[in-house]
Amino acid sequence: MALRVIWTKNSQEHLESILSYWEQRNRSKTYPKKLYKLFQNGINVLTRYPETGSKTSNLQLRKKSIKEYFVYYSFDEINLIVLGIVDMRRNPKFLKKFEE
């Protein structure tokens, strides 16, 4: 059985910010729509196989790479909680801090 997806407020803001950036940069909604679909598909896979994501130093937190982004999440028997979406090309110190 697939887990129920719960988006935190931060993760929703991250997603909106990423999609908005690409829409403004490209002056088109084509790539943001494609990227959104990739996020949806990746998270859909996680609802069925949540342990496929990489472990982080925080044992409660996992990450899944989708394109050039890390989707950070946790899960229990019922829910997959999306905690944030971060560009993996960011400063490694920032990523390390996010994972703590």
PDB file of N, CA and C in Angstrom:
ATOM      1  N   MET A   1       0.833  -1.179   0.000  1.00  0.00           N
ATOM      2  CA  MET A   1       0.000   0.000   0.000  1.00  0.00           C
ATOM      3  C   MET A   1       0.882   1.248   0.000  1.00  0.00           C
ATOM      4  N   ALA A   2       0.509   2.218  -0.777  1.00  0.00           N
ATOM      5  CA  ALA A   2       1.275   3.461  -0.903  1.00  0.00           C
ATOM      6  C   ALA A   2       1.046   4.366   0.301  1.00  0.00           C
ATOM      7  N   LEU A   3       2.091   5.069   0.671  1.00  0.00           N
ATOM      8  CA  LEU A   3       1.992   6.021   1.772  1.00  0.00           C
ATOM      9  C   LEU A   3       1.288   7.288   1.305  1.00  0.00           C
ATOM     10  N   ARG A   4       0.688   7.980   2.261  1.00  0.00           N
ATOM     11  CA  ARG A   4       0.041   9.263   1.981  1.00  0.00           C
ATOM     12  C   ARG A   4       1.104  10.353   2.024  1.00  0.00           C
ATOM     13  N   VAL A   5       1.103  11.253   1.049  1.00  0.00           N
ATOM     14  CA  VAL A   5       2.103  12.322   0.967  1.00  0.00           C
ATOM     15  C   VAL A   5       1.624  13.542   1.746  1.00  0.00           C
ATOM     16  N   ILE A   6       2.495  14.042   2.601  1.00  0.00           N
ATOM     17  CA  ILE A   6       2.245  15.271   3.336  1.00  0.00           C
ATOM     18  C   ILE A   6       3.370  16.243   3.006  1.00  0.00           C
ATOM     19  N   TRP A   7       3.002  17.406   2.493  1.00  0.00           N
ATOM     20  CA  TRP A   7       3.971  18.452   2.187  1.00  0.00           C
ATOM     21  C   TRP A   7       4.017  19.440   3.350  1.00  0.00           C
ATOM     22  N   THR A   8       5.200  19.699   3.869  1.00  0.00           N
ATOM     23  CA  THR A   8       5.320  20.732   4.892  1.00  0.00           C
ATOM     24  C   THR A   8       5.227  22.096   4.216  1.00  0.00           C
ATOM     25  N   LYS A   9       5.006  23.121   5.012  1.00  0.00           N
ATOM     26  CA  LYS A   9       4.938  24.467   4.460  1.00  0.00           C
ATOM     27  C   LYS A   9       6.253  24.831   3.767  1.00  0.00           C
ATOM     28  N   ASN A  10       7.390  24.482   4.390  1.00  0.00           N
ATOM     29  CA  ASN A  10       8.695  24.763   3.782  1.00  0.00           C
ATOM     30  C   ASN A  10       8.855  24.064   2.438  1.00  0.00           C
ATOM     31  N   SER A  11       8.459  22.808   2.362  1.00  0.00           N
ATOM     32  CA  SER A  11       8.622  22.071   1.105  1.00  0.00           C
ATOM     33  C   SER A  11       7.744  22.661   0.008  1.00  0.00           C
ATOM     34  N   GLN A  12       6.545  23.115   0.358  1.00  0.00           N
ATOM     35  CA  GLN A  12       5.673  23.766  -0.625  1.00  0.00           C
ATOM     36  C   GLN A  12       6.314  25.056  -1.124  1.00  0.00           C
ATOM     37  N   GLU A  13       6.883  25.823  -0.205  1.00  0.00           N
ATOM     38  CA  GLU A  13       7.545  27.073  -0.588  1.00  0.00           C
ATOM     39  C   GLU A  13       8.764  26.803  -1.460  1.00  0.00           C
ATOM     40  N   HIS A  14       9.524  25.761  -1.122  1.00  0.00           N
ATOM     41  CA  HIS A  14      10.686  25.409  -1.942  1.00  0.00           C
ATOM     42  C   HIS A  14      10.253  25.067  -3.369  1.00  0.00           C
ATOM     43  N   LEU A  15       9.223  24.225  -3.481  1.00  0.00           N
ATOM     44  CA  LEU A  15       8.740  23.815  -4.798  1.00  0.00           C
ATOM     45  C   LEU A  15       8.256  25.010  -5.609  1.00  0.00           C
ATOM     46  N   GLU A  16       7.452  25.854  -4.991  1.00  0.00           N
ATOM     47  CA  GLU A  16       6.935  27.037  -5.683  1.00  0.00           C
ATOM     48  C   GLU A  16       8.076  27.954  -6.128  1.00  0.00           C
ATOM     49  N   SER A  17       9.070  28.121  -5.277  1.00  0.00           N
ATOM     50  CA  SER A  17      10.208  28.977  -5.597  1.00  0.00           C
ATOM     51  C   SER A  17      11.000  28.425  -6.783  1.00  0.00           C
ATOM     52  N   ILE A  18      11.225  27.135  -6.793  1.00  0.00           N
ATOM     53  CA  ILE A  18      11.973  26.488  -7.890  1.00  0.00           C
ATOM     54  C   ILE A  18      11.217  26.637  -9.201  1.00  0.00           C
ATOM     55  N   LEU A  19       9.932  26.321  -9.185  1.00  0.00           N
ATOM     56  CA  LEU A  19       9.137  26.402 -10.413  1.00  0.00           C
ATOM     57  C   LEU A  19       9.010  27.842 -10.907  1.00  0.00           C
ATOM     58  N   SER A  20       8.855  28.772  -9.987  1.00  0.00           N
ATOM     59  CA  SER A  20       8.766  30.187 -10.341  1.00  0.00           C
ATOM     60  C   SER A  20      10.084  30.680 -10.950  1.00  0.00           C
ATOM     61  N   TYR A  21      11.195  30.258 -10.355  1.00  0.00           N
ATOM     62  CA  TYR A  21      12.508  30.650 -10.891  1.00  0.00           C
ATOM     63  C   TYR A  21      12.641  30.229 -12.353  1.00  0.00           C
ATOM     64  N   TRP A  22      12.316  28.964 -12.639  1.00  0.00           N
ATOM     65  CA  TRP A  22      12.477  28.473 -14.008  1.00  0.00           C
ATOM     66  C   TRP A  22      11.484  29.124 -14.975  1.00  0.00           C
ATOM     67  N   GLU A  23      10.307  29.435 -14.487  1.00  0.00           N
ATOM     68  CA  GLU A  23       9.334  30.112 -15.340  1.00  0.00           C
ATOM     69  C   GLU A  23       9.828  31.513 -15.713  1.00  0.00           C
ATOM     70  N   GLN A  24      10.359  32.236 -14.738  1.00  0.00           N
ATOM     71  CA  GLN A  24      10.876  33.584 -15.004  1.00  0.00           C
ATOM     72  C   GLN A  24      12.140  33.535 -15.854  1.00  0.00           C
ATOM     73  N   ARG A  25      13.008  32.590 -15.566  1.00  0.00           N
ATOM     74  CA  ARG A  25      14.269  32.494 -16.302  1.00  0.00           C
ATOM     75  C   ARG A  25      14.033  32.166 -17.776  1.00  0.00           C
ATOM     76  N   ASN A  26      13.148  31.223 -18.027  1.00  0.00           N
ATOM     77  CA  ASN A  26      12.905  30.777 -19.404  1.00  0.00           C
ATOM     78  C   ASN A  26      11.755  31.508 -20.086  1.00  0.00           C
ATOM     79  N   ARG A  27      11.019  32.316 -19.311  1.00  0.00           N
ATOM     80  CA  ARG A  27       9.840  33.018 -19.822  1.00  0.00           C
ATOM     81  C   ARG A  27       8.866  32.050 -20.495  1.00  0.00           C
ATOM     82  N   SER A  28       8.733  30.902 -19.843  1.00  0.00           N
ATOM     83  CA  SER A  28       7.859  29.853 -20.358  1.00  0.00           C
ATOM     84  C   SER A  28       7.495  28.924 -19.207  1.00  0.00           C
ATOM     85  N   LYS A  29       6.332  28.309 -19.303  1.00  0.00           N
ATOM     86  CA  LYS A  29       5.909  27.345 -18.292  1.00  0.00           C
ATOM     87  C   LYS A  29       6.245  25.912 -18.690  1.00  0.00           C
ATOM     88  N   THR A  30       6.857  25.723 -19.838  1.00  0.00           N
ATOM     89  CA  THR A  30       7.127  24.374 -20.331  1.00  0.00           C
ATOM     90  C   THR A  30       8.055  23.601 -19.402  1.00  0.00           C
ATOM     91  N   TYR A  31       9.220  24.160 -19.098  1.00  0.00           N
ATOM     92  CA  TYR A  31      10.167  23.442 -18.231  1.00  0.00           C
ATOM     93  C   TYR A  31       9.634  23.285 -16.802  1.00  0.00           C
ATOM     94  N   PRO A  32       9.049  24.319 -16.189  1.00  0.00           N
ATOM     95  CA  PRO A  32       8.496  24.114 -14.843  1.00  0.00           C
ATOM     96  C   PRO A  32       7.454  22.989 -14.795  1.00  0.00           C
ATOM     97  N   LYS A  33       6.633  22.869 -15.824  1.00  0.00           N
ATOM     98  CA  LYS A  33       5.647  21.790 -15.866  1.00  0.00           C
ATOM     99  C   LYS A  33       6.336  20.430 -15.941  1.00  0.00           C
ATOM    100  N   LYS A  34       7.375  20.349 -16.751  1.00  0.00           N
ATOM    101  CA  LYS A  34       8.133  19.109 -16.884  1.00  0.00           C
ATOM    102  C   LYS A  34       8.813  18.752 -15.559  1.00  0.00           C
ATOM    103  N   LEU A  35       9.409  19.750 -14.916  1.00  0.00           N
ATOM    104  CA  LEU A  35      10.090  19.545 -13.647  1.00  0.00           C
ATOM    105  C   LEU A  35       9.094  19.126 -12.558  1.00  0.00           C
ATOM    106  N   TYR A  36       7.936  19.762 -12.537  1.00  0.00           N
ATOM    107  CA  TYR A  36       6.897  19.410 -11.567  1.00  0.00           C
ATOM    108  C   TYR A  36       6.481  17.946 -11.741  1.00  0.00           C
ATOM    109  N   LYS A  37       6.338  17.519 -12.978  1.00  0.00           N
ATOM    110  CA  LYS A  37       5.967  16.131 -13.265  1.00  0.00           C
ATOM    111  C   LYS A  37       7.055  15.167 -12.772  1.00  0.00           C
ATOM    112  N   LEU A  38       8.326  15.560 -12.937  1.00  0.00           N
ATOM    113  CA  LEU A  38       9.421  14.731 -12.430  1.00  0.00           C
ATOM    114  C   LEU A  38       9.361  14.613 -10.912  1.00  0.00           C
ATOM    115  N   PHE A  39       9.088  15.725 -10.223  1.00  0.00           N
ATOM    116  CA  PHE A  39       8.943  15.679  -8.772  1.00  0.00           C
ATOM    117  C   PHE A  39       7.777  14.775  -8.378  1.00  0.00           C
ATOM    118  N   GLN A  40       6.651  14.926  -9.053  1.00  0.00           N
ATOM    119  CA  GLN A  40       5.483  14.096  -8.755  1.00  0.00           C
ATOM    120  C   GLN A  40       5.803  12.615  -8.929  1.00  0.00           C
ATOM    121  N   ASN A  41       6.425  12.275 -10.047  1.00  0.00           N
ATOM    122  CA  ASN A  41       6.749  10.877 -10.316  1.00  0.00           C
ATOM    123  C   ASN A  41       7.743  10.320  -9.297  1.00  0.00           C
ATOM    124  N   GLY A  42       8.766  11.114  -8.954  1.00  0.00           N
ATOM    125  CA  GLY A  42       9.758  10.679  -7.973  1.00  0.00           C
ATOM    126  C   GLY A  42       9.142  10.453  -6.612  1.00  0.00           C
ATOM    127  N   ILE A  43       8.282  11.359  -6.194  1.00  0.00           N
ATOM    128  CA  ILE A  43       7.625  11.225  -4.892  1.00  0.00           C
ATOM    129  C   ILE A  43       6.624  10.078  -4.915  1.00  0.00           C
ATOM    130  N   ASN A  44       5.987   9.864  -6.043  1.00  0.00           N
ATOM    131  CA  ASN A  44       5.069   8.733  -6.175  1.00  0.00           C
ATOM    132  C   ASN A  44       5.808   7.405  -5.971  1.00  0.00           C
ATOM    133  N   VAL A  45       6.999   7.303  -6.514  1.00  0.00           N
ATOM    134  CA  VAL A  45       7.812   6.099  -6.307  1.00  0.00           C
ATOM    135  C   VAL A  45       8.147   5.949  -4.821  1.00  0.00           C
ATOM    136  N   LEU A  46       8.490   7.070  -4.175  1.00  0.00           N
ATOM    137  CA  LEU A  46       8.815   7.020  -2.747  1.00  0.00           C
ATOM    138  C   LEU A  46       7.631   6.575  -1.895  1.00  0.00           C
ATOM    139  N   THR A  47       6.412   6.862  -2.321  1.00  0.00           N
ATOM    140  CA  THR A  47       5.249   6.433  -1.534  1.00  0.00           C
ATOM    141  C   THR A  47       5.135   4.907  -1.496  1.00  0.00           C
ATOM    142  N   ARG A  48       5.678   4.254  -2.503  1.00  0.00           N
ATOM    143  CA  ARG A  48       5.649   2.793  -2.542  1.00  0.00           C
ATOM    144  C   ARG A  48       6.939   2.166  -2.026  1.00  0.00           C
ATOM    145  N   TYR A  49       8.053   2.873  -2.218  1.00  0.00           N
ATOM    146  CA  TYR A  49       9.363   2.357  -1.814  1.00  0.00           C
ATOM    147  C   TYR A  49      10.154   3.445  -1.074  1.00  0.00           C
ATOM    148  N   PRO A  50       9.724   3.812   0.116  1.00  0.00           N
ATOM    149  CA  PRO A  50      10.337   4.951   0.808  1.00  0.00           C
ATOM    150  C   PRO A  50      11.791   4.725   1.226  1.00  0.00           C
ATOM    151  N   GLU A  51      12.205   3.487   1.332  1.00  0.00           N
ATOM    152  CA  GLU A  51      13.573   3.214   1.769  1.00  0.00           C
ATOM    153  C   GLU A  51      14.589   3.316   0.638  1.00  0.00           C
ATOM    154  N   THR A  52      14.136   3.651  -0.575  1.00  0.00           N
ATOM    155  CA  THR A  52      15.069   3.773  -1.696  1.00  0.00           C
ATOM    156  C   THR A  52      15.899   5.044  -1.640  1.00  0.00           C
ATOM    157  N   GLY A  53      15.459   6.026  -0.887  1.00  0.00           N
ATOM    158  CA  GLY A  53      16.222   7.263  -0.743  1.00  0.00           C
ATOM    159  C   GLY A  53      17.468   7.034   0.092  1.00  0.00           C
ATOM    160  N   SER A  54      18.450   7.896  -0.076  1.00  0.00           N
ATOM    161  CA  SER A  54      19.705   7.784   0.666  1.00  0.00           C
ATOM    162  C   SER A  54      19.524   8.239   2.105  1.00  0.00           C
ATOM    163  N   LYS A  55      20.215   7.562   3.004  1.00  0.00           N
ATOM    164  CA  LYS A  55      20.203   7.975   4.400  1.00  0.00           C
ATOM    165  C   LYS A  55      21.080   9.214   4.556  1.00  0.00           C
ATOM    166  N   THR A  56      20.761  10.023   5.534  1.00  0.00           N
ATOM    167  CA  THR A  56      21.574  11.196   5.856  1.00  0.00           C
ATOM    168  C   THR A  56      22.147  10.993   7.259  1.00  0.00           C
ATOM    169  N   SER A  57      22.922  11.967   7.716  1.00  0.00           N
ATOM    170  CA  SER A  57      23.483  11.865   9.064  1.00  0.00           C
ATOM    171  C   SER A  57      22.378  11.895  10.128  1.00  0.00           C
ATOM    172  N   ASN A  58      21.248  12.490   9.794  1.00  0.00           N
ATOM    173  CA  ASN A  58      20.077  12.476  10.660  1.00  0.00           C
ATOM    174  C   ASN A  58      19.294  11.198  10.334  1.00  0.00           C
ATOM    175  N   LEU A  59      19.218  10.290  11.279  1.00  0.00           N
ATOM    176  CA  LEU A  59      18.601   8.988  11.013  1.00  0.00           C
ATOM    177  C   LEU A  59      17.124   9.062  10.649  1.00  0.00           C
ATOM    178  N   GLN A  60      16.457  10.164  10.968  1.00  0.00           N
ATOM    179  CA  GLN A  60      15.045  10.336  10.648  1.00  0.00           C
ATOM    180  C   GLN A  60      14.825  10.937   9.262  1.00  0.00           C
ATOM    181  N   LEU A  61      15.904  11.317   8.605  1.00  0.00           N
ATOM    182  CA  LEU A  61      15.820  12.068   7.348  1.00  0.00           C
ATOM    183  C   LEU A  61      16.462  11.285   6.211  1.00  0.00           C
ATOM    184  N   ARG A  62      15.794  11.265   5.086  1.00  0.00           N
ATOM    185  CA  ARG A  62      16.333  10.644   3.869  1.00  0.00           C
ATOM    186  C   ARG A  62      16.269  11.659   2.743  1.00  0.00           C
ATOM    187  N   LYS A  63      17.011  11.374   1.681  1.00  0.00           N
ATOM    188  CA  LYS A  63      16.977  12.262   0.516  1.00  0.00           C
ATOM    189  C   LYS A  63      16.945  11.438  -0.758  1.00  0.00           C
ATOM    190  N   LYS A  64      16.266  11.987  -1.721  1.00  0.00           N
ATOM    191  CA  LYS A  64      16.136  11.364  -3.042  1.00  0.00           C
ATOM    192  C   LYS A  64      16.532  12.410  -4.064  1.00  0.00           C
ATOM    193  N   SER A  65      17.402  12.051  -5.000  1.00  0.00           N
ATOM    194  CA  SER A  65      17.776  13.017  -6.023  1.00  0.00           C
ATOM    195  C   SER A  65      16.818  12.922  -7.204  1.00  0.00           C
ATOM    196  N   ILE A  66      16.350  14.095  -7.607  1.00  0.00           N
ATOM    197  CA  ILE A  66      15.479  14.229  -8.775  1.00  0.00           C
ATOM    198  C   ILE A  66      16.054  15.382  -9.579  1.00  0.00           C
ATOM    199  N   LYS A  67      16.537  15.063 -10.779  1.00  0.00           N
ATOM    200  CA  LYS A  67      17.278  16.034 -11.597  1.00  0.00           C
ATOM    201  C   LYS A  67      18.436  16.550 -10.758  1.00  0.00           C
ATOM    202  N   GLU A  68      18.552  17.861 -10.599  1.00  0.00           N
ATOM    203  CA  GLU A  68      19.646  18.411  -9.803  1.00  0.00           C
ATOM    204  C   GLU A  68      19.173  18.874  -8.424  1.00  0.00           C
ATOM    205  N   TYR A  69      18.152  18.219  -7.908  1.00  0.00           N
ATOM    206  CA  TYR A  69      17.574  18.581  -6.613  1.00  0.00           C
ATOM    207  C   TYR A  69      17.554  17.385  -5.672  1.00  0.00           C
ATOM    208  N   PHE A  70      17.704  17.676  -4.384  1.00  0.00           N
ATOM    209  CA  PHE A  70      17.482  16.672  -3.353  1.00  0.00           C
ATOM    210  C   PHE A  70      16.095  16.921  -2.765  1.00  0.00           C
ATOM    211  N   VAL A  71      15.295  15.887  -2.701  1.00  0.00           N
ATOM    212  CA  VAL A  71      14.019  15.945  -2.003  1.00  0.00           C
ATOM    213  C   VAL A  71      14.265  15.281  -0.649  1.00  0.00           C
ATOM    214  N   TYR A  72      14.138  16.070   0.414  1.00  0.00           N
ATOM    215  CA  TYR A  72      14.324  15.562   1.769  1.00  0.00           C
ATOM    216  C   TYR A  72      12.977  15.141   2.328  1.00  0.00           C
ATOM    217  N   TYR A  73      12.955  13.977   2.980  1.00  0.00           N
ATOM    218  CA  TYR A  73      11.696  13.443   3.488  1.00  0.00           C
ATOM    219  C   TYR A  73      11.931  12.518   4.674  1.00  0.00           C
ATOM    220  N   SER A  74      10.864  12.243   5.361  1.00  0.00           N
ATOM    221  CA  SER A  74      10.839  11.199   6.383  1.00  0.00           C
ATOM    222  C   SER A  74       9.561  10.399   6.155  1.00  0.00           C
ATOM    223  N   PHE A  75       9.452   9.267   6.818  1.00  0.00           N
ATOM    224  CA  PHE A  75       8.252   8.453   6.624  1.00  0.00           C
ATOM    225  C   PHE A  75       7.998   7.588   7.847  1.00  0.00           C
ATOM    226  N   ASP A  76       6.750   7.166   7.957  1.00  0.00           N
ATOM    227  CA  ASP A  76       6.351   6.182   8.963  1.00  0.00           C
ATOM    228  C   ASP A  76       5.464   5.158   8.259  1.00  0.00           C
ATOM    229  N   GLU A  77       4.682   4.424   8.993  1.00  0.00           N
ATOM    230  CA  GLU A  77       3.859   3.369   8.393  1.00  0.00           C
ATOM    231  C   GLU A  77       2.749   3.904   7.496  1.00  0.00           C
ATOM    232  N   ILE A  78       2.366   5.169   7.704  1.00  0.00           N
ATOM    233  CA  ILE A  78       1.208   5.725   7.001  1.00  0.00           C
ATOM    234  C   ILE A  78       1.580   6.872   6.062  1.00  0.00           C
ATOM    235  N   ASN A  79       2.531   7.711   6.468  1.00  0.00           N
ATOM    236  CA  ASN A  79       2.810   8.966   5.761  1.00  0.00           C
ATOM    237  C   ASN A  79       4.233   9.060   5.227  1.00  0.00           C
ATOM    238  N   LEU A  80       4.353   9.735   4.111  1.00  0.00           N
ATOM    239  CA  LEU A  80       5.636  10.192   3.584  1.00  0.00           C
ATOM    240  C   LEU A  80       5.592  11.714   3.721  1.00  0.00           C
ATOM    241  N   ILE A  81       6.483  12.257   4.513  1.00  0.00           N
ATOM    242  CA  ILE A  81       6.471  13.693   4.793  1.00  0.00           C
ATOM    243  C   ILE A  81       7.599  14.358   4.019  1.00  0.00           C
ATOM    244  N   VAL A  82       7.246  15.191   3.049  1.00  0.00           N
ATOM    245  CA  VAL A  82       8.229  15.917   2.252  1.00  0.00           C
ATOM    246  C   VAL A  82       8.620  17.156   3.060  1.00  0.00           C
ATOM    247  N   LEU A  83       9.912  17.223   3.415  1.00  0.00           N
ATOM    248  CA  LEU A  83      10.384  18.287   4.300  1.00  0.00           C
ATOM    249  C   LEU A  83      11.031  19.447   3.557  1.00  0.00           C
ATOM    250  N   GLY A  84      11.580  19.180   2.384  1.00  0.00           N
ATOM    251  CA  GLY A  84      12.211  20.260   1.640  1.00  0.00           C
ATOM    252  C   GLY A  84      12.747  19.781   0.306  1.00  0.00           C
ATOM    253  N   ILE A  85      12.973  20.724  -0.580  1.00  0.00           N
ATOM    254  CA  ILE A  85      13.576  20.456  -1.885  1.00  0.00           C
ATOM    255  C   ILE A  85      14.708  21.460  -2.045  1.00  0.00           C
ATOM    256  N   VAL A  86      15.925  20.946  -2.247  1.00  0.00           N
ATOM    257  CA  VAL A  86      17.101  21.799  -2.271  1.00  0.00           C
ATOM    258  C   VAL A  86      17.934  21.483  -3.510  1.00  0.00           C
ATOM    259  N   ASP A  87      18.423  22.525  -4.162  1.00  0.00           N
ATOM    260  CA  ASP A  87      19.309  22.367  -5.305  1.00  0.00           C
ATOM    261  C   ASP A  87      20.620  21.754  -4.829  1.00  0.00           C
ATOM    262  N   MET A  88      20.991  20.599  -5.362  1.00  0.00           N
ATOM    263  CA  MET A  88      22.196  19.908  -4.899  1.00  0.00           C
ATOM    264  C   MET A  88      23.480  20.614  -5.312  1.00  0.00           C
ATOM    265  N   ARG A  89      23.383  21.625  -6.164  1.00  0.00           N
ATOM    266  CA  ARG A  89      24.569  22.375  -6.590  1.00  0.00           C
ATOM    267  C   ARG A  89      24.902  23.491  -5.609  1.00  0.00           C
ATOM    268  N   ARG A  90      24.147  23.595  -4.537  1.00  0.00           N
ATOM    269  CA  ARG A  90      24.401  24.628  -3.537  1.00  0.00           C
ATOM    270  C   ARG A  90      25.677  24.327  -2.775  1.00  0.00           C
ATOM    271  N   ASN A  91      26.081  25.286  -1.987  1.00  0.00           N
ATOM    272  CA  ASN A  91      27.260  25.152  -1.150  1.00  0.00           C
ATOM    273  C   ASN A  91      27.137  23.889  -0.283  1.00  0.00           C
ATOM    274  N   PRO A  92      28.163  23.014  -0.291  1.00  0.00           N
ATOM    275  CA  PRO A  92      28.095  21.780   0.502  1.00  0.00           C
ATOM    276  C   PRO A  92      27.856  22.028   1.998  1.00  0.00           C
ATOM    277  N   LYS A  93      28.332  23.160   2.511  1.00  0.00           N
ATOM    278  CA  LYS A  93      28.097  23.473   3.923  1.00  0.00           C
ATOM    279  C   LYS A  93      26.606  23.701   4.177  1.00  0.00           C
ATOM    280  N   PHE A  94      25.923  24.331   3.221  1.00  0.00           N
ATOM    281  CA  PHE A  94      24.485  24.543   3.352  1.00  0.00           C
ATOM    282  C   PHE A  94      23.757  23.201   3.356  1.00  0.00           C
ATOM    283  N   LEU A  95      24.131  22.320   2.437  1.00  0.00           N
ATOM    284  CA  LEU A  95      23.475  21.013   2.362  1.00  0.00           C
ATOM    285  C   LEU A  95      23.697  20.223   3.647  1.00  0.00           C
ATOM    286  N   LYS A  96      24.915  20.265   4.164  1.00  0.00           N
ATOM    287  CA  LYS A  96      25.233  19.550   5.408  1.00  0.00           C
ATOM    288  C   LYS A  96      24.383  20.073   6.561  1.00  0.00           C
ATOM    289  N   LYS A  97      24.242  21.412   6.608  1.00  0.00           N
ATOM    290  CA  LYS A  97      23.447  22.027   7.665  1.00  0.00           C
ATOM    291  C   LYS A  97      21.977  21.637   7.532  1.00  0.00           C
ATOM    292  N   PHE A  98      21.486  21.548   6.296  1.00  0.00           N
ATOM    293  CA  PHE A  98      20.090  21.168   6.059  1.00  0.00           C
ATOM    294  C   PHE A  98      19.811  19.748   6.543  1.00  0.00           C
ATOM    295  N   GLU A  99      20.810  18.882   6.435  1.00  0.00           N
ATOM    296  CA  GLU A  99      20.625  17.480   6.779  1.00  0.00           C
ATOM    297  C   GLU A  99      20.730  17.202   8.281  1.00  0.00           C
ATOM    298  N   GLU A 100      21.154  18.165   9.055  1.00  0.00           N
ATOM    299  CA  GLU A 100      21.307  17.929  10.500  1.00  0.00           C
ATOM    300  C   GLU A 100      20.017  18.038  11.233  1.00  0.00           C
TER     301      GLU A 100
END
